Structures are given as structure tokens and as C-alpha cells.
Amino acid sequence: MKKNRILWIAAGLLLLMLGGCGAGQKDKASAPPSDAPAGSGTTAPGSSLQAEAAAPTMPAMAVSGTPLTEWDAMGTTISLLSGSMVFSVYDGQTLRTYYKFSDFAKIAASLRETPGSPAEDFSIDKLTYPVYCLELPTKDGTGLHMLWTNGYLLTREGKAYHFPYDFDSLAKMSWDKEQVMEGTELSALNLSRYLLEQEGQWRFDYMTKTTVSLNPDMVEMEIKARSNSDYPVVLTNRSEVSLLYGREFRLEVWDGADWYSVPASPLRNYAFTMEGYNLEPGQSREMNHSLTMYGKLPLGHYRLVKDLFIANGNKRCYGAAEFDINEADARLWGDPGSAGSGAMTPTGYPQGEIQRMLLYWNEKIYTNTGDKVDKLSSAAVPVGIVGTVDNKQLPNKNMMATQLPLGTEVYRVPGVEGLFVKVSEDWIVQFREFDEATMGKLENLLP
């Protein structure tokens, strides 16, 4: 049957994880009331600890600097001229997000001057409401992401600090823009993965049960033979009406009784493109779903869930495909990066290795920008394939790489800066020349 490719108009299909906090659909029934005062330090549901002050006194321990000075050492540069500062306050039910497009240098300076020390004792049981999230723009586009609760600061890299900063005062500032979302779940916060997954186990007592009712009489989903984080799914329309679907999906995990929403890895910036596809009655169609954005997953039983729209109407139906993550799968997932399991490195790659994708071509070293393209341009010209991978030394000959699979296809597009690397059939990433002025010295990447 002829494939119809149409513009996807449904709101919400484009999901960007570039902000300091995200937004969800439903919160736990046991969450504190939405009128809890900001900075009240209400103890989180499931916690046996007593409420603590929102900004406790700094413990008597050696100061090791601040999170910002550690970012400086990694070569991350805050951009004060472009982008926006994003600040969010989450009270357990309501997420308030504020934007400031300029004049946030003083805030960056005050964060830099605040002493911090490693917090080895941090766990989700120390969490209290409100929870604060802050993102500062950086020159490389990744942003500095941090989450603060009860005197503890979590960074995008998964490090925890004692950090006595008055985040509540930021909510009282003058902001350029404000958004309010009710009924938001904890798992929607950008760094919640470090809260909800600890020591390779999900903390179901803090996670949100999903309420989706599947429609197996309308749509059937089956996962074909998967490879690493690529999950090819065959969708079959069992109904008598046309269905419309896109690339968006979500992941859920089973605790033996209920399904729970799985948060993505904070180390992965991602977005779903907006094209849509028709699925006619009786028709089957295959689409690959890359779970790279979730990083390394704990062992367990999962399902991939998709929303489909009934043509000529606003009604939805839901399909799901279940699968298991076992020990063998966990080993495969370990290389691309993890979040919440074991010792963390700045990008989630194994310790003792170069922590970035690097590629040598034409006497230059290129690195991934994090920008994913859905389809390779028809003007793309093959450059070669990755023939050597050594994750412990800088590449120094054509098609030598770090943190890329052997045989990875590489292309260039005339008139377009950089290279295009085909990590998988559904995952093409743009690379650009490594710039020491904004990314730090190459030598600093060596283990």
C-alpha cells in the first residue's frame, strides 16, 4: 500500500529534553498539597526522615570548591550572551518554570562563589519539597543542569554536593516569562533519574503509576530482533479505521503489579521529529525506536508505549510492546552510557576512557554535537567507515574514533559544516570540528 507521509500537527509530539525540568501528566496521590509554601522543606512521600530546613547549615567538612568550578575544569563555558536561564520550582504537584533571557551574570557569579562539598550521604530519602531545577546556557549548547533539594545539589553528571544556596530567593526575582503546569510527576524533572534509580534499582515508592489503557483490538505492536538500544517495532492496525502515528514513544517499567513511567537519562539531549504516518486497516508497518536517550537501564520488565490517533478525529488509542532487560542486555547497554547505575563519569562512558565521541578525518578531529538528524540529505557524500576504535587515546589517523562502533558510516554534505555519522539506521548525529576555545584542550579528555 502506498505510504503517505503527512505533517504531524498533534500538540505534544515534539518533546525536548533540553530544559532544566520537564513536564508530566499525573502525580502520586500521596504528594504534598500544591499550596505548600515554597522553601517549606516538606518531607517527600516515602521518606522516614523528619522535615529539614530548606537551606541547612554547611556541615563541618573540607570545602572542595563549587560545582561550577568543577565544570570550569572540564572546559564547560557559561554563555552570558546567548540562550536563557531556566529556573523551575516543583512542590510535588505543580511545576512553575521561569525564564530569563539576559542579565543573569550575577546569579552565575553567586553560584560560583558558594562553597560546596561532596555529599556521599545523599539518596532520594533526603529529598524534601520544594525541589528546584536550574539551567544555565553554555557555549557548547548542552547547558549546566542542576537540581537542588534540602541542601543537596545534583548535577547533570550525577554528582551530589552539600550546597547551601538560597534557591527560594530566585523565585522572588523578576523574570521575563513564567509557565505553570499542574499535575506534574517527579519523574518529569530532568535530573530525576538520579533520584528514582539508585544502585541499579528503581525506587518504585517514589515513581508514578501509569494509567494508560491499551487497545489491543485496534493496534498490535511487536518488537523484532533488537540490537543494543535499537528496538524495531512492527505496528499492525487491527481496526476498521485509519490510524495516525509518529516517532514519539515512552518507556514504562513493571514492578510486578503496576507500570511506572521511566525517566530519560540526563546525559542525553533528544527530540522527536514531527512527521506522521498513516496505518490503514489491516496494514503493518515497521519503525525503529532507539532507546539511547534512556542510557543503561536496570534489569527488569519494560514496555514501549505509543499513542496513535484515529483518523478524522481527536480520539487516541494506545499500543505497547513488552520486553525484558537481562544481564546480557545490560552489558550491551553499558557502553553507550548509563544514568544512575554505578560510578558516573561526565558523559556516562566507562571510567578510564575518553568521555566523548571523537573521529579523525582529513587531519582534523571531529566530535558529536548532540544534534540528531532524522534523514540523511540526498546530497550526502560517503567519507568512509570507522576502521579503528581506541577509547584510551586521541584518534590520529583517518576513520579512527573513540566511543563509536566499528564500521560506523560517515558522510559529509557539500556546503554544510561538519560530518554526519550514522550510528544506527535511526540515529544519525552531526559532528563538528573540535574547538579547543569552547571545549577545552583535547589533552584534557585523556583518561
Foldseek 3Di string as FASTA:
>chain_A
DDWDKDFFDDPPQKDWLQAQFFFDAAFDPPADDPPDDAQPQAFGPPAPDDRAGFFDDDDPDDFPFAPVVVVVLQLWAFDQQADWKKKWKARRWKIKIFIAGHDCVVVVVVRRPWTKDFDPPDALSLFTPTKMWIWTATPLGRTWIWIGGSQWIATLQGTIIRTRDDSVVVVVDDGPDMDMDGRGYLLRRLQCLLHQFAQLDGPVSRFDFDDADADVQAKEWEWDDADQQKTKIKIFGNDQFKKKFFQDKFKWFDPPDTITGQHFRSLATDIGDGMMIIHHHGRMDIDIHGNLRRAQHRWGKMKIKTWMATPPDRDIHMYIYIDTQDPVSNVSRQASAHHNHDDTDRNRHDPQFQRFKWFDDPQFIKTFSSDWDFDDDPQKDWPFWQAAEDRQDHDGDHNYIYSADGGWTKIDHPPDAAIWTPRDPGTITGIHTDDCVRRNDPVSRHD
